[in-house]
Amino acid sequence: MPLGYSPRSAWPRTGRVCTACGACCTAPDIAALVKPLGQPCVHLGADCLCGIYAERPSICRSYSPDWVCGEVALLPTLEERSARFLEIYGLINIKTKP
């Protein structure tokens, strides 16, 4: 984690773009879409891009890529990226997960 930032801190938006890792559409629960924690959004495509991008709910619009995206994007599978995203935010511990 960059020094001085917590996972929920405001990361500078300049130059930050989506890495198409799919973690933000898989890991968190999204009540507006009735999407449970750790399950891919039904609108997430095989390319890890949003199928309803222009009409996505405000909770999705408000998410801005940050340092977490850059870290999880390096992992090879969506499952691994999602698990790491959840671990960073303190929602699971992948080292002790069965």
N, C-alpha and C. Protein backbone atom coordinates (compact mmCIF):
# COMPACT_ATOMS: atom_id res chain seq x y z
N MET A 1 0.85 -1.17 0.00
CA MET A 1 0.00 0.00 0.00
C MET A 1 0.89 1.23 0.00
N PRO A 2 0.56 2.22 -0.83
CA PRO A 2 1.36 3.44 -0.83
C PRO A 2 1.34 4.10 0.54
N LEU A 3 2.47 4.60 0.96
CA LEU A 3 2.61 5.26 2.25
C LEU A 3 1.61 6.41 2.38
N GLY A 4 0.89 6.45 3.49
CA GLY A 4 -0.03 7.53 3.74
C GLY A 4 -1.45 7.31 3.23
N TYR A 5 -1.70 6.16 2.61
CA TYR A 5 -3.03 5.88 2.08
C TYR A 5 -3.58 4.62 2.69
N SER A 6 -4.85 4.64 3.02
CA SER A 6 -5.54 3.43 3.45
C SER A 6 -6.35 2.96 2.25
N PRO A 7 -6.85 1.72 2.26
CA PRO A 7 -7.61 1.24 1.11
C PRO A 7 -8.78 2.14 0.72
N ARG A 8 -9.39 2.81 1.67
CA ARG A 8 -10.55 3.64 1.35
C ARG A 8 -10.20 5.12 1.19
N SER A 9 -8.93 5.43 1.09
CA SER A 9 -8.53 6.83 0.97
C SER A 9 -8.78 7.35 -0.44
N ALA A 10 -8.79 8.65 -0.55
CA ALA A 10 -8.98 9.28 -1.86
C ALA A 10 -7.65 9.27 -2.60
N TRP A 11 -7.49 8.39 -3.51
CA TRP A 11 -6.28 8.29 -4.33
C TRP A 11 -6.38 9.33 -5.44
N PRO A 12 -5.30 9.99 -5.78
CA PRO A 12 -5.37 10.97 -6.86
C PRO A 12 -5.91 10.34 -8.14
N ARG A 13 -6.90 10.95 -8.76
CA ARG A 13 -7.55 10.38 -9.94
C ARG A 13 -6.77 10.63 -11.22
N THR A 14 -5.89 11.55 -11.23
CA THR A 14 -5.15 11.89 -12.43
C THR A 14 -4.42 10.67 -12.98
N GLY A 15 -4.71 10.34 -14.23
CA GLY A 15 -4.02 9.24 -14.88
C GLY A 15 -4.50 7.86 -14.50
N ARG A 16 -5.48 7.73 -13.61
CA ARG A 16 -5.98 6.42 -13.21
C ARG A 16 -7.05 5.96 -14.19
N VAL A 17 -6.86 4.78 -14.74
CA VAL A 17 -7.83 4.21 -15.66
C VAL A 17 -8.14 2.78 -15.24
N CYS A 18 -9.27 2.29 -15.71
CA CYS A 18 -9.67 0.92 -15.42
C CYS A 18 -8.66 -0.05 -16.00
N THR A 19 -8.28 -1.04 -15.21
CA THR A 19 -7.34 -2.06 -15.68
C THR A 19 -8.07 -3.28 -16.23
N ALA A 20 -9.40 -3.24 -16.24
CA ALA A 20 -10.24 -4.36 -16.72
C ALA A 20 -9.90 -5.65 -15.98
N CYS A 21 -9.66 -5.52 -14.67
CA CYS A 21 -9.34 -6.71 -13.87
C CYS A 21 -10.60 -7.42 -13.41
N GLY A 22 -11.74 -6.70 -13.35
CA GLY A 22 -13.01 -7.28 -12.95
C GLY A 22 -13.24 -7.38 -11.46
N ALA A 23 -12.24 -7.06 -10.67
CA ALA A 23 -12.35 -7.22 -9.21
C ALA A 23 -13.42 -6.33 -8.60
N CYS A 24 -13.53 -5.09 -9.06
CA CYS A 24 -14.52 -4.17 -8.48
C CYS A 24 -15.95 -4.58 -8.83
N CYS A 25 -16.11 -5.40 -9.85
CA CYS A 25 -17.44 -5.90 -10.26
C CYS A 25 -17.70 -7.30 -9.72
N THR A 26 -16.75 -7.85 -8.99
CA THR A 26 -16.89 -9.20 -8.45
C THR A 26 -16.81 -9.20 -6.93
N ALA A 27 -15.82 -8.56 -6.37
CA ALA A 27 -15.57 -8.64 -4.93
C ALA A 27 -16.65 -8.00 -4.06
N PRO A 28 -16.94 -6.71 -4.21
CA PRO A 28 -17.88 -6.08 -3.26
C PRO A 28 -19.33 -6.49 -3.50
N ASP A 29 -20.14 -6.35 -2.44
CA ASP A 29 -21.58 -6.53 -2.65
C ASP A 29 -22.11 -5.21 -3.20
N ILE A 30 -23.05 -5.29 -4.12
CA ILE A 30 -23.63 -4.11 -4.74
C ILE A 30 -25.14 -4.23 -4.61
N ALA A 31 -25.68 -3.58 -3.58
CA ALA A 31 -27.11 -3.70 -3.28
C ALA A 31 -27.99 -3.25 -4.44
N ALA A 32 -27.59 -2.20 -5.15
CA ALA A 32 -28.39 -1.68 -6.26
C ALA A 32 -28.58 -2.72 -7.37
N LEU A 33 -27.68 -3.69 -7.43
CA LEU A 33 -27.77 -4.74 -8.44
C LEU A 33 -28.09 -6.10 -7.81
N VAL A 34 -28.39 -6.10 -6.52
CA VAL A 34 -28.66 -7.33 -5.76
C VAL A 34 -27.52 -8.33 -6.01
N LYS A 35 -26.28 -7.84 -5.91
CA LYS A 35 -25.09 -8.64 -6.15
C LYS A 35 -24.40 -8.93 -4.83
N PRO A 36 -24.29 -10.22 -4.47
CA PRO A 36 -23.64 -10.55 -3.20
C PRO A 36 -22.11 -10.44 -3.25
N LEU A 37 -21.53 -10.33 -2.09
CA LEU A 37 -20.07 -10.28 -1.92
C LEU A 37 -19.41 -11.48 -2.59
N GLY A 38 -18.38 -11.22 -3.38
CA GLY A 38 -17.59 -12.28 -3.99
C GLY A 38 -18.17 -12.93 -5.23
N GLN A 39 -19.32 -12.49 -5.67
CA GLN A 39 -19.94 -13.05 -6.88
C GLN A 39 -19.84 -12.03 -8.02
N PRO A 40 -19.49 -12.49 -9.22
CA PRO A 40 -19.41 -11.55 -10.34
C PRO A 40 -20.78 -10.93 -10.64
N CYS A 41 -20.78 -9.67 -10.99
CA CYS A 41 -21.99 -8.99 -11.42
C CYS A 41 -22.49 -9.67 -12.70
N VAL A 42 -23.79 -9.79 -12.85
CA VAL A 42 -24.35 -10.43 -14.05
C VAL A 42 -24.03 -9.63 -15.31
N HIS A 43 -23.66 -8.37 -15.15
CA HIS A 43 -23.35 -7.51 -16.29
C HIS A 43 -21.86 -7.50 -16.63
N LEU A 44 -21.05 -8.23 -15.87
CA LEU A 44 -19.61 -8.29 -16.14
C LEU A 44 -19.38 -9.25 -17.30
N GLY A 45 -18.77 -8.76 -18.36
CA GLY A 45 -18.52 -9.58 -19.54
C GLY A 45 -17.28 -10.45 -19.38
N ALA A 46 -17.11 -11.38 -20.31
CA ALA A 46 -15.95 -12.26 -20.31
C ALA A 46 -14.65 -11.47 -20.44
N ASP A 47 -14.74 -10.26 -21.00
CA ASP A 47 -13.58 -9.38 -21.15
C ASP A 47 -13.34 -8.54 -19.89
N CYS A 48 -14.13 -8.81 -18.83
CA CYS A 48 -14.07 -8.07 -17.56
C CYS A 48 -14.44 -6.60 -17.71
N LEU A 49 -15.29 -6.31 -18.67
CA LEU A 49 -15.83 -4.96 -18.84
C LEU A 49 -17.33 -4.99 -18.57
N CYS A 50 -17.88 -3.84 -18.20
CA CYS A 50 -19.29 -3.72 -17.85
C CYS A 50 -20.18 -3.74 -19.09
N GLY A 51 -21.18 -4.62 -19.07
CA GLY A 51 -22.12 -4.71 -20.18
C GLY A 51 -23.18 -3.62 -20.17
N ILE A 52 -23.32 -2.90 -19.06
CA ILE A 52 -24.30 -1.80 -18.97
C ILE A 52 -23.60 -0.50 -18.57
N TYR A 53 -22.39 -0.33 -19.03
CA TYR A 53 -21.57 0.80 -18.60
C TYR A 53 -22.30 2.14 -18.67
N ALA A 54 -22.97 2.43 -19.76
CA ALA A 54 -23.65 3.73 -19.92
C ALA A 54 -24.84 3.87 -18.97
N GLU A 55 -25.42 2.76 -18.54
CA GLU A 55 -26.60 2.78 -17.66
C GLU A 55 -26.31 2.26 -16.26
N ARG A 56 -25.04 2.07 -15.92
CA ARG A 56 -24.70 1.47 -14.62
C ARG A 56 -25.22 2.35 -13.47
N PRO A 57 -25.51 1.72 -12.31
CA PRO A 57 -26.03 2.49 -11.18
C PRO A 57 -24.99 3.47 -10.61
N SER A 58 -25.47 4.42 -9.84
CA SER A 58 -24.60 5.47 -9.30
C SER A 58 -23.48 4.91 -8.43
N ILE A 59 -23.72 3.83 -7.69
CA ILE A 59 -22.66 3.25 -6.86
C ILE A 59 -21.48 2.81 -7.73
N CYS A 60 -21.78 2.28 -8.90
CA CYS A 60 -20.71 1.87 -9.83
C CYS A 60 -20.04 3.09 -10.46
N ARG A 61 -20.83 4.10 -10.77
CA ARG A 61 -20.28 5.33 -11.36
C ARG A 61 -19.33 6.04 -10.40
N SER A 62 -19.62 5.93 -9.11
CA SER A 62 -18.81 6.64 -8.12
C SER A 62 -17.47 5.96 -7.84
N TYR A 63 -17.32 4.70 -8.23
CA TYR A 63 -16.06 4.01 -7.99
C TYR A 63 -15.01 4.52 -8.96
N SER A 64 -13.86 4.84 -8.42
CA SER A 64 -12.75 5.32 -9.24
C SER A 64 -11.56 4.39 -9.06
N PRO A 65 -10.95 3.92 -10.15
CA PRO A 65 -9.78 3.05 -10.01
C PRO A 65 -8.73 3.69 -9.11
N ASP A 66 -8.11 2.86 -8.27
CA ASP A 66 -7.09 3.35 -7.35
C ASP A 66 -5.93 2.36 -7.32
N TRP A 67 -5.07 2.47 -6.33
CA TRP A 67 -3.89 1.62 -6.26
C TRP A 67 -4.26 0.15 -6.14
N VAL A 68 -5.42 -0.16 -5.57
CA VAL A 68 -5.85 -1.56 -5.42
C VAL A 68 -5.99 -2.20 -6.80
N CYS A 69 -6.55 -1.46 -7.74
CA CYS A 69 -6.73 -1.98 -9.10
C CYS A 69 -5.39 -2.36 -9.72
N GLY A 70 -4.41 -1.52 -9.54
CA GLY A 70 -3.09 -1.81 -10.09
C GLY A 70 -2.46 -3.04 -9.46
N GLU A 71 -2.72 -3.25 -8.17
CA GLU A 71 -2.16 -4.43 -7.50
C GLU A 71 -2.86 -5.71 -7.92
N VAL A 72 -4.18 -5.71 -7.92
CA VAL A 72 -4.89 -6.95 -8.22
C VAL A 72 -4.83 -7.31 -9.70
N ALA A 73 -4.68 -6.33 -10.57
CA ALA A 73 -4.63 -6.58 -12.01
C ALA A 73 -3.49 -7.51 -12.40
N LEU A 74 -2.46 -7.58 -11.57
CA LEU A 74 -1.31 -8.42 -11.86
C LEU A 74 -1.58 -9.91 -11.65
N LEU A 75 -2.65 -10.23 -10.94
CA LEU A 75 -2.97 -11.63 -10.65
C LEU A 75 -3.63 -12.27 -11.88
N PRO A 76 -3.36 -13.58 -12.11
CA PRO A 76 -3.78 -14.21 -13.37
C PRO A 76 -5.26 -14.52 -13.54
N THR A 77 -6.02 -14.73 -12.46
CA THR A 77 -7.42 -15.11 -12.63
C THR A 77 -8.35 -14.13 -11.92
N LEU A 78 -9.58 -14.06 -12.39
CA LEU A 78 -10.58 -13.20 -11.75
C LEU A 78 -10.80 -13.63 -10.31
N GLU A 79 -10.81 -14.92 -10.05
CA GLU A 79 -10.99 -15.42 -8.68
C GLU A 79 -9.88 -14.92 -7.76
N GLU A 80 -8.64 -14.97 -8.23
CA GLU A 80 -7.51 -14.49 -7.42
C GLU A 80 -7.58 -12.97 -7.24
N ARG A 81 -7.95 -12.25 -8.29
CA ARG A 81 -8.05 -10.79 -8.19
C ARG A 81 -9.14 -10.39 -7.21
N SER A 82 -10.28 -11.07 -7.27
CA SER A 82 -11.39 -10.78 -6.37
C SER A 82 -11.01 -11.09 -4.92
N ALA A 83 -10.36 -12.23 -4.69
CA ALA A 83 -9.95 -12.61 -3.33
C ALA A 83 -8.97 -11.59 -2.77
N ARG A 84 -8.03 -11.14 -3.57
CA ARG A 84 -7.04 -10.15 -3.10
C ARG A 84 -7.73 -8.82 -2.80
N PHE A 85 -8.66 -8.41 -3.64
CA PHE A 85 -9.44 -7.18 -3.42
C PHE A 85 -10.14 -7.26 -2.06
N LEU A 86 -10.80 -8.38 -1.79
CA LEU A 86 -11.50 -8.57 -0.52
C LEU A 86 -10.53 -8.58 0.66
N GLU A 87 -9.36 -9.17 0.46
CA GLU A 87 -8.36 -9.20 1.54
C GLU A 87 -7.86 -7.79 1.84
N ILE A 88 -7.58 -7.01 0.82
CA ILE A 88 -7.09 -5.65 1.01
C ILE A 88 -8.09 -4.83 1.83
N TYR A 89 -9.38 -5.01 1.55
CA TYR A 89 -10.41 -4.28 2.27
C TYR A 89 -10.81 -4.94 3.59
N GLY A 90 -10.10 -6.00 3.98
CA GLY A 90 -10.33 -6.63 5.27
C GLY A 90 -11.58 -7.49 5.35
N LEU A 91 -12.09 -7.93 4.22
CA LEU A 91 -13.33 -8.71 4.21
C LEU A 91 -13.08 -10.22 4.25
N ILE A 92 -11.90 -10.66 3.84
CA ILE A 92 -11.50 -12.07 3.98
C ILE A 92 -10.00 -12.11 4.23
N ASN A 93 -9.53 -13.25 4.69
CA ASN A 93 -8.10 -13.48 4.84
C ASN A 93 -7.76 -14.66 3.95
N ILE A 94 -7.18 -14.40 2.77
CA ILE A 94 -6.93 -15.48 1.82
C ILE A 94 -5.84 -16.43 2.28
N LYS A 95 -5.01 -16.00 3.21
CA LYS A 95 -3.96 -16.89 3.71
C LYS A 95 -4.53 -18.00 4.60
N THR A 96 -5.66 -17.73 5.26
CA THR A 96 -6.26 -18.74 6.13
C THR A 96 -7.57 -19.27 5.57
N LYS A 97 -7.98 -18.79 4.40
CA LYS A 97 -9.22 -19.25 3.79
C LYS A 97 -9.08 -20.72 3.42
N PRO A 98 -10.09 -21.56 3.77
CA PRO A 98 -9.99 -23.00 3.44
C PRO A 98 -9.98 -23.24 1.96
